[in-house]
Amino acid sequence: MLEIGELCYALNSVTYHNFEDGILRFCQRFIRYGQSNKMISNLYAIDLMPKMFSAKKNNFLNQTLARLQYACLLWGYITYSGK
């Protein structure tokens, strides 16, 4: 990445994700992210346990998806077996 440029933190950045592949793939993705967090947590002895959050755009769908995302992250984190 250093060949491309410098990596910097952007406090006010916004990331858009494409979840057109359905709710099952959405869940699988965040379970995998939870497992990755646990792997990193074990490797570096840091706590990366997922924390509940609210969607920025406060409506029923976004809040439901935020809770589902959290549940999938947590499931991946607590079921990671170290494979």
PDB file of N, CA and C in Angstrom:
ATOM      1  N   MET A   1       0.810  -1.179   0.000  1.00  0.00           N
ATOM      2  CA  MET A   1       0.000   0.000   0.000  1.00  0.00           C
ATOM      3  C   MET A   1       0.864   1.258   0.000  1.00  0.00           C
ATOM      4  N   LEU A   2       2.049   1.158   0.531  1.00  0.00           N
ATOM      5  CA  LEU A   2       2.906   2.339   0.555  1.00  0.00           C
ATOM      6  C   LEU A   2       3.268   2.813  -0.850  1.00  0.00           C
ATOM      7  N   GLU A   3       3.208   1.906  -1.824  1.00  0.00           N
ATOM      8  CA  GLU A   3       3.473   2.299  -3.208  1.00  0.00           C
ATOM      9  C   GLU A   3       2.375   3.209  -3.744  1.00  0.00           C
ATOM     10  N   ILE A   4       1.166   3.051  -3.215  1.00  0.00           N
ATOM     11  CA  ILE A   4       0.030   3.847  -3.667  1.00  0.00           C
ATOM     12  C   ILE A   4       0.003   5.199  -2.967  1.00  0.00           C
ATOM     13  N   GLY A   5       0.293   5.220  -1.691  1.00  0.00           N
ATOM     14  CA  GLY A   5       0.253   6.469  -0.925  1.00  0.00           C
ATOM     15  C   GLY A   5       0.194   6.193   0.557  1.00  0.00           C
ATOM     16  N   GLU A   6      -0.051   7.244   1.319  1.00  0.00           N
ATOM     17  CA  GLU A   6      -0.085   7.175   2.765  1.00  0.00           C
ATOM     18  C   GLU A   6      -1.467   6.744   3.248  1.00  0.00           C
ATOM     19  N   LEU A   7      -1.515   5.954   4.307  1.00  0.00           N
ATOM     20  CA  LEU A   7      -2.760   5.539   4.907  1.00  0.00           C
ATOM     21  C   LEU A   7      -3.056   6.473   6.075  1.00  0.00           C
ATOM     22  N   CYS A   8      -4.205   7.131   6.038  1.00  0.00           N
ATOM     23  CA  CYS A   8      -4.563   8.109   7.067  1.00  0.00           C
ATOM     24  C   CYS A   8      -5.941   7.815   7.627  1.00  0.00           C
ATOM     25  N   TYR A   9      -6.176   8.285   8.827  1.00  0.00           N
ATOM     26  CA  TYR A   9      -7.476   8.160   9.465  1.00  0.00           C
ATOM     27  C   TYR A   9      -8.346   9.342   9.044  1.00  0.00           C
ATOM     28  N   ALA A  10      -9.550   9.054   8.603  1.00  0.00           N
ATOM     29  CA  ALA A  10     -10.482  10.100   8.169  1.00  0.00           C
ATOM     30  C   ALA A  10     -11.697  10.072   9.088  1.00  0.00           C
ATOM     31  N   LEU A  11     -11.716  10.952  10.068  1.00  0.00           N
ATOM     32  CA  LEU A  11     -12.736  10.962  11.103  1.00  0.00           C
ATOM     33  C   LEU A  11     -14.150  11.070  10.540  1.00  0.00           C
ATOM     34  N   ASN A  12     -14.362  11.874   9.541  1.00  0.00           N
ATOM     35  CA  ASN A  12     -15.706  12.123   9.022  1.00  0.00           C
ATOM     36  C   ASN A  12     -16.016  11.339   7.748  1.00  0.00           C
ATOM     37  N   SER A  13     -15.275  10.280   7.508  1.00  0.00           N
ATOM     38  CA  SER A  13     -15.506   9.505   6.289  1.00  0.00           C
ATOM     39  C   SER A  13     -16.818   8.724   6.396  1.00  0.00           C
ATOM     40  N   VAL A  14     -17.387   8.414   5.257  1.00  0.00           N
ATOM     41  CA  VAL A  14     -18.620   7.634   5.169  1.00  0.00           C
ATOM     42  C   VAL A  14     -18.350   6.473   4.230  1.00  0.00           C
ATOM     43  N   THR A  15     -18.755   5.276   4.650  1.00  0.00           N
ATOM     44  CA  THR A  15     -18.564   4.088   3.831  1.00  0.00           C
ATOM     45  C   THR A  15     -19.922   3.550   3.421  1.00  0.00           C
ATOM     46  N   TYR A  16     -20.073   3.282   2.141  1.00  0.00           N
ATOM     47  CA  TYR A  16     -21.297   2.678   1.635  1.00  0.00           C
ATOM     48  C   TYR A  16     -21.000   1.236   1.254  1.00  0.00           C
ATOM     49  N   HIS A  17     -21.894   0.337   1.636  1.00  0.00           N
ATOM     50  CA  HIS A  17     -21.727  -1.077   1.348  1.00  0.00           C
ATOM     51  C   HIS A  17     -22.843  -1.553   0.430  1.00  0.00           C
ATOM     52  N   ASN A  18     -22.519  -2.500  -0.400  1.00  0.00           N
ATOM     53  CA  ASN A  18     -23.500  -3.097  -1.300  1.00  0.00           C
ATOM     54  C   ASN A  18     -23.941  -4.427  -0.705  1.00  0.00           C
ATOM     55  N   PHE A  19     -25.218  -4.505  -0.311  1.00  0.00           N
ATOM     56  CA  PHE A  19     -25.759  -5.734   0.260  1.00  0.00           C
ATOM     57  C   PHE A  19     -26.864  -6.284  -0.628  1.00  0.00           C
ATOM     58  N   GLU A  20     -26.705  -6.135  -1.932  1.00  0.00           N
ATOM     59  CA  GLU A  20     -27.725  -6.598  -2.860  1.00  0.00           C
ATOM     60  C   GLU A  20     -27.795  -8.116  -2.963  1.00  0.00           C
ATOM     61  N   ASP A  21     -26.839  -8.817  -2.348  1.00  0.00           N
ATOM     62  CA  ASP A  21     -26.831 -10.273  -2.439  1.00  0.00           C
ATOM     63  C   ASP A  21     -27.702 -10.932  -1.372  1.00  0.00           C
ATOM     64  N   GLY A  22     -28.497 -10.163  -0.637  1.00  0.00           N
ATOM     65  CA  GLY A  22     -29.503 -10.723   0.246  1.00  0.00           C
ATOM     66  C   GLY A  22     -29.126 -10.771   1.716  1.00  0.00           C
ATOM     67  N   ILE A  23     -30.133 -11.061   2.516  1.00  0.00           N
ATOM     68  CA  ILE A  23     -29.985 -11.052   3.967  1.00  0.00           C
ATOM     69  C   ILE A  23     -29.099 -12.197   4.463  1.00  0.00           C
ATOM     70  N   LEU A  24     -29.141 -13.338   3.809  1.00  0.00           N
ATOM     71  CA  LEU A  24     -28.288 -14.461   4.206  1.00  0.00           C
ATOM     72  C   LEU A  24     -26.816 -14.102   4.044  1.00  0.00           C
ATOM     73  N   ARG A  25     -26.462 -13.531   2.908  1.00  0.00           N
ATOM     74  CA  ARG A  25     -25.064 -13.126   2.679  1.00  0.00           C
ATOM     75  C   ARG A  25     -24.662 -11.994   3.636  1.00  0.00           C
ATOM     76  N   PHE A  26     -25.598 -11.108   3.954  1.00  0.00           N
ATOM     77  CA  PHE A  26     -25.366 -10.049   4.943  1.00  0.00           C
ATOM     78  C   PHE A  26     -24.954 -10.682   6.268  1.00  0.00           C
ATOM     79  N   CYS A  27     -25.739 -11.664   6.720  1.00  0.00           N
ATOM     80  CA  CYS A  27     -25.433 -12.340   7.985  1.00  0.00           C
ATOM     81  C   CYS A  27     -24.107 -13.084   7.917  1.00  0.00           C
ATOM     82  N   GLN A  28     -23.876 -13.811   6.841  1.00  0.00           N
ATOM     83  CA  GLN A  28     -22.621 -14.556   6.697  1.00  0.00           C
ATOM     84  C   GLN A  28     -21.420 -13.629   6.743  1.00  0.00           C
ATOM     85  N   ARG A  29     -21.544 -12.474   6.109  1.00  0.00           N
ATOM     86  CA  ARG A  29     -20.440 -11.505   6.082  1.00  0.00           C
ATOM     87  C   ARG A  29     -20.116 -11.018   7.487  1.00  0.00           C
ATOM     88  N   PHE A  30     -21.136 -10.670   8.271  1.00  0.00           N
ATOM     89  CA  PHE A  30     -20.866 -10.119   9.595  1.00  0.00           C
ATOM     90  C   PHE A  30     -20.493 -11.193  10.610  1.00  0.00           C
ATOM     91  N   ILE A  31     -20.928 -12.417  10.412  1.00  0.00           N
ATOM     92  CA  ILE A  31     -20.425 -13.518  11.239  1.00  0.00           C
ATOM     93  C   ILE A  31     -18.929 -13.684  10.971  1.00  0.00           C
ATOM     94  N   ARG A  32     -18.547 -13.636   9.706  1.00  0.00           N
ATOM     95  CA  ARG A  32     -17.128 -13.739   9.339  1.00  0.00           C
ATOM     96  C   ARG A  32     -16.327 -12.573   9.930  1.00  0.00           C
ATOM     97  N   TYR A  33     -16.885 -11.360   9.894  1.00  0.00           N
ATOM     98  CA  TYR A  33     -16.195 -10.209  10.490  1.00  0.00           C
ATOM     99  C   TYR A  33     -16.030 -10.404  12.000  1.00  0.00           C
ATOM    100  N   GLY A  34     -17.052 -10.960  12.656  1.00  0.00           N
ATOM    101  CA  GLY A  34     -16.949 -11.234  14.091  1.00  0.00           C
ATOM    102  C   GLY A  34     -15.860 -12.246  14.392  1.00  0.00           C
ATOM    103  N   GLN A  35     -15.763 -13.281  13.553  1.00  0.00           N
ATOM    104  CA  GLN A  35     -14.701 -14.282  13.719  1.00  0.00           C
ATOM    105  C   GLN A  35     -13.324 -13.648  13.528  1.00  0.00           C
ATOM    106  N   SER A  36     -13.214 -12.772  12.552  1.00  0.00           N
ATOM    107  CA  SER A  36     -11.936 -12.083  12.316  1.00  0.00           C
ATOM    108  C   SER A  36     -11.565 -11.208  13.501  1.00  0.00           C
ATOM    109  N   ASN A  37     -12.551 -10.526  14.074  1.00  0.00           N
ATOM    110  CA  ASN A  37     -12.273  -9.701  15.258  1.00  0.00           C
ATOM    111  C   ASN A  37     -11.757 -10.556  16.405  1.00  0.00           C
ATOM    112  N   LYS A  38     -12.350 -11.740  16.592  1.00  0.00           N
ATOM    113  CA  LYS A  38     -11.901 -12.629  17.671  1.00  0.00           C
ATOM    114  C   LYS A  38     -10.487 -13.124  17.405  1.00  0.00           C
ATOM    115  N   MET A  39     -10.192 -13.435  16.158  1.00  0.00           N
ATOM    116  CA  MET A  39      -8.852 -13.882  15.799  1.00  0.00           C
ATOM    117  C   MET A  39      -7.822 -12.798  16.138  1.00  0.00           C
ATOM    118  N   ILE A  40      -8.114 -11.574  15.772  1.00  0.00           N
ATOM    119  CA  ILE A  40      -7.212 -10.455  16.063  1.00  0.00           C
ATOM    120  C   ILE A  40      -7.145 -10.210  17.567  1.00  0.00           C
ATOM    121  N   SER A  41      -8.286 -10.329  18.231  1.00  0.00           N
ATOM    122  CA  SER A  41      -8.345 -10.166  19.681  1.00  0.00           C
ATOM    123  C   SER A  41      -7.428 -11.170  20.383  1.00  0.00           C
ATOM    124  N   ASN A  42      -7.487 -12.420  19.954  1.00  0.00           N
ATOM    125  CA  ASN A  42      -6.619 -13.453  20.530  1.00  0.00           C
ATOM    126  C   ASN A  42      -5.151 -13.208  20.216  1.00  0.00           C
ATOM    127  N   LEU A  43      -4.888 -12.803  18.998  1.00  0.00           N
ATOM    128  CA  LEU A  43      -3.513 -12.612  18.547  1.00  0.00           C
ATOM    129  C   LEU A  43      -2.804 -11.485  19.293  1.00  0.00           C
ATOM    130  N   TYR A  44      -3.530 -10.383  19.549  1.00  0.00           N
ATOM    131  CA  TYR A  44      -2.910  -9.197  20.143  1.00  0.00           C
ATOM    132  C   TYR A  44      -3.372  -8.926  21.573  1.00  0.00           C
ATOM    133  N   ALA A  45      -4.128  -9.848  22.162  1.00  0.00           N
ATOM    134  CA  ALA A  45      -4.610  -9.709  23.542  1.00  0.00           C
ATOM    135  C   ALA A  45      -5.335  -8.378  23.760  1.00  0.00           C
ATOM    136  N   ILE A  46      -6.252  -8.066  22.848  1.00  0.00           N
ATOM    137  CA  ILE A  46      -7.071  -6.866  22.976  1.00  0.00           C
ATOM    138  C   ILE A  46      -8.544  -7.263  22.882  1.00  0.00           C
ATOM    139  N   ASP A  47      -9.399  -6.457  23.489  1.00  0.00           N
ATOM    140  CA  ASP A  47     -10.835  -6.754  23.496  1.00  0.00           C
ATOM    141  C   ASP A  47     -11.502  -6.108  22.281  1.00  0.00           C
ATOM    142  N   LEU A  48     -11.945  -6.934  21.364  1.00  0.00           N
ATOM    143  CA  LEU A  48     -12.666  -6.455  20.190  1.00  0.00           C
ATOM    144  C   LEU A  48     -14.093  -6.992  20.172  1.00  0.00           C
ATOM    145  N   MET A  49     -14.622  -7.294  21.354  1.00  0.00           N
ATOM    146  CA  MET A  49     -16.005  -7.777  21.469  1.00  0.00           C
ATOM    147  C   MET A  49     -16.932  -6.731  20.851  1.00  0.00           C
ATOM    148  N   PRO A  50     -17.828  -7.161  19.948  1.00  0.00           N
ATOM    149  CA  PRO A  50     -18.760  -6.211  19.333  1.00  0.00           C
ATOM    150  C   PRO A  50     -19.612  -5.501  20.383  1.00  0.00           C
ATOM    151  N   LYS A  51     -19.926  -4.248  20.115  1.00  0.00           N
ATOM    152  CA  LYS A  51     -20.768  -3.454  20.998  1.00  0.00           C
ATOM    153  C   LYS A  51     -22.010  -3.004  20.235  1.00  0.00           C
ATOM    154  N   MET A  52     -23.128  -2.962  20.940  1.00  0.00           N
ATOM    155  CA  MET A  52     -24.383  -2.540  20.337  1.00  0.00           C
ATOM    156  C   MET A  52     -24.249  -1.094  19.847  1.00  0.00           C
ATOM    157  N   PHE A  53     -24.884  -0.805  18.746  1.00  0.00           N
ATOM    158  CA  PHE A  53     -24.840   0.547  18.175  1.00  0.00           C
ATOM    159  C   PHE A  53     -26.188   0.837  17.535  1.00  0.00           C
ATOM    160  N   SER A  54     -26.423   2.105  17.236  1.00  0.00           N
ATOM    161  CA  SER A  54     -27.647   2.532  16.558  1.00  0.00           C
ATOM    162  C   SER A  54     -27.308   3.001  15.157  1.00  0.00           C
ATOM    163  N   ALA A  55     -28.234   2.819  14.258  1.00  0.00           N
ATOM    164  CA  ALA A  55     -28.055   3.311  12.894  1.00  0.00           C
ATOM    165  C   ALA A  55     -28.119   4.838  12.893  1.00  0.00           C
ATOM    166  N   LYS A  56     -27.320   5.461  12.030  1.00  0.00           N
ATOM    167  CA  LYS A  56     -27.335   6.928  11.957  1.00  0.00           C
ATOM    168  C   LYS A  56     -28.670   7.444  11.436  1.00  0.00           C
ATOM    169  N   LYS A  57     -29.203   6.789  10.413  1.00  0.00           N
ATOM    170  CA  LYS A  57     -30.518   7.156   9.901  1.00  0.00           C
ATOM    171  C   LYS A  57     -31.530   6.345  10.689  1.00  0.00           C
ATOM    172  N   ASN A  58     -32.222   7.013  11.589  1.00  0.00           N
ATOM    173  CA  ASN A  58     -33.075   6.338  12.550  1.00  0.00           C
ATOM    174  C   ASN A  58     -34.452   6.033  11.957  1.00  0.00           C
ATOM    175  N   ASN A  59     -34.567   4.832  11.411  1.00  0.00           N
ATOM    176  CA  ASN A  59     -35.874   4.334  10.983  1.00  0.00           C
ATOM    177  C   ASN A  59     -35.934   2.845  11.321  1.00  0.00           C
ATOM    178  N   PHE A  60     -37.112   2.267  11.212  1.00  0.00           N
ATOM    179  CA  PHE A  60     -37.309   0.877  11.631  1.00  0.00           C
ATOM    180  C   PHE A  60     -36.372  -0.092  10.906  1.00  0.00           C
ATOM    181  N   LEU A  61     -36.275   0.019   9.589  1.00  0.00           N
ATOM    182  CA  LEU A  61     -35.436  -0.902   8.827  1.00  0.00           C
ATOM    183  C   LEU A  61     -33.977  -0.794   9.233  1.00  0.00           C
ATOM    184  N   ASN A  62     -33.458   0.422   9.310  1.00  0.00           N
ATOM    185  CA  ASN A  62     -32.047   0.603   9.659  1.00  0.00           C
ATOM    186  C   ASN A  62     -31.747   0.122  11.076  1.00  0.00           C
ATOM    187  N   GLN A  63     -32.643   0.390  12.021  1.00  0.00           N
ATOM    188  CA  GLN A  63     -32.420  -0.073  13.393  1.00  0.00           C
ATOM    189  C   GLN A  63     -32.491  -1.600  13.476  1.00  0.00           C
ATOM    190  N   THR A  64     -33.394  -2.209  12.709  1.00  0.00           N
ATOM    191  CA  THR A  64     -33.488  -3.676  12.674  1.00  0.00           C
ATOM    192  C   THR A  64     -32.218  -4.283  12.090  1.00  0.00           C
ATOM    193  N   LEU A  65     -31.736  -3.708  10.996  1.00  0.00           N
ATOM    194  CA  LEU A  65     -30.509  -4.214  10.378  1.00  0.00           C
ATOM    195  C   LEU A  65     -29.293  -3.994  11.278  1.00  0.00           C
ATOM    196  N   ALA A  66     -29.270  -2.887  12.011  1.00  0.00           N
ATOM    197  CA  ALA A  66     -28.161  -2.638  12.949  1.00  0.00           C
ATOM    198  C   ALA A  66     -28.147  -3.702  14.039  1.00  0.00           C
ATOM    199  N   ARG A  67     -29.313  -4.071  14.538  1.00  0.00           N
ATOM    200  CA  ARG A  67     -29.392  -5.114  15.570  1.00  0.00           C
ATOM    201  C   ARG A  67     -29.003  -6.485  15.002  1.00  0.00           C
ATOM    202  N   LEU A  68     -29.426  -6.748  13.784  1.00  0.00           N
ATOM    203  CA  LEU A  68     -29.047  -7.999  13.125  1.00  0.00           C
ATOM    204  C   LEU A  68     -27.542  -8.044  12.886  1.00  0.00           C
ATOM    205  N   GLN A  69     -26.979  -6.931  12.451  1.00  0.00           N
ATOM    206  CA  GLN A  69     -25.538  -6.851  12.227  1.00  0.00           C
ATOM    207  C   GLN A  69     -24.787  -7.124  13.530  1.00  0.00           C
ATOM    208  N   TYR A  70     -25.224  -6.487  14.611  1.00  0.00           N
ATOM    209  CA  TYR A  70     -24.592  -6.701  15.911  1.00  0.00           C
ATOM    210  C   TYR A  70     -24.696  -8.173  16.328  1.00  0.00           C
ATOM    211  N   ALA A  71     -25.878  -8.765  16.162  1.00  0.00           N
ATOM    212  CA  ALA A  71     -26.076 -10.161  16.547  1.00  0.00           C
ATOM    213  C   ALA A  71     -25.157 -11.084  15.754  1.00  0.00           C
ATOM    214  N   CYS A  72     -24.999 -10.822  14.469  1.00  0.00           N
ATOM    215  CA  CYS A  72     -24.118 -11.650  13.632  1.00  0.00           C
ATOM    216  C   CYS A  72     -22.654 -11.469  14.020  1.00  0.00           C
ATOM    217  N   LEU A  73     -22.239 -10.237  14.265  1.00  0.00           N
ATOM    218  CA  LEU A  73     -20.870  -9.978  14.720  1.00  0.00           C
ATOM    219  C   LEU A  73     -20.593 -10.710  16.029  1.00  0.00           C
ATOM    220  N   LEU A  74     -21.535 -10.590  16.964  1.00  0.00           N
ATOM    221  CA  LEU A  74     -21.368 -11.229  18.270  1.00  0.00           C
ATOM    222  C   LEU A  74     -21.326 -12.745  18.135  1.00  0.00           C
ATOM    223  N   TRP A  75     -22.215 -13.297  17.321  1.00  0.00           N
ATOM    224  CA  TRP A  75     -22.228 -14.753  17.109  1.00  0.00           C
ATOM    225  C   TRP A  75     -20.880 -15.227  16.553  1.00  0.00           C
ATOM    226  N   GLY A  76     -20.379 -14.538  15.547  1.00  0.00           N
ATOM    227  CA  GLY A  76     -19.080 -14.904  14.991  1.00  0.00           C
ATOM    228  C   GLY A  76     -17.970 -14.810  16.010  1.00  0.00           C
ATOM    229  N   TYR A  77     -18.026 -13.763  16.841  1.00  0.00           N
ATOM    230  CA  TYR A  77     -16.997 -13.527  17.853  1.00  0.00           C
ATOM    231  C   TYR A  77     -17.003 -14.635  18.906  1.00  0.00           C
ATOM    232  N   ILE A  78     -18.189 -14.972  19.416  1.00  0.00           N
ATOM    233  CA  ILE A  78     -18.229 -15.930  20.531  1.00  0.00           C
ATOM    234  C   ILE A  78     -18.119 -17.380  20.067  1.00  0.00           C
ATOM    235  N   THR A  79     -18.355 -17.645  18.797  1.00  0.00           N
ATOM    236  CA  THR A  79     -18.257 -19.033  18.299  1.00  0.00           C
ATOM    237  C   THR A  79     -16.952 -19.314  17.570  1.00  0.00           C
ATOM    238  N   TYR A  80     -16.078 -18.327  17.445  1.00  0.00           N
ATOM    239  CA  TYR A  80     -14.808 -18.547  16.752  1.00  0.00           C
ATOM    240  C   TYR A  80     -14.020 -19.640  17.464  1.00  0.00           C
ATOM    241  N   SER A  81     -13.577 -20.614  16.704  1.00  0.00           N
ATOM    242  CA  SER A  81     -12.906 -21.777  17.310  1.00  0.00           C
ATOM    243  C   SER A  81     -11.401 -21.801  17.095  1.00  0.00           C
ATOM    244  N   GLY A  82     -10.862 -20.817  16.400  1.00  0.00           N
ATOM    245  CA  GLY A  82      -9.422 -20.763  16.211  1.00  0.00           C
ATOM    246  C   GLY A  82      -8.898 -21.585  15.066  1.00  0.00           C
ATOM    247  N   LYS A  83      -9.745 -21.921  14.122  1.00  0.00           N
ATOM    248  CA  LYS A  83      -9.316 -22.728  12.965  1.00  0.00           C
ATOM    249  C   LYS A  83      -8.332 -21.980  12.115  1.00  0.00           C
TER     250      LYS A  83
END
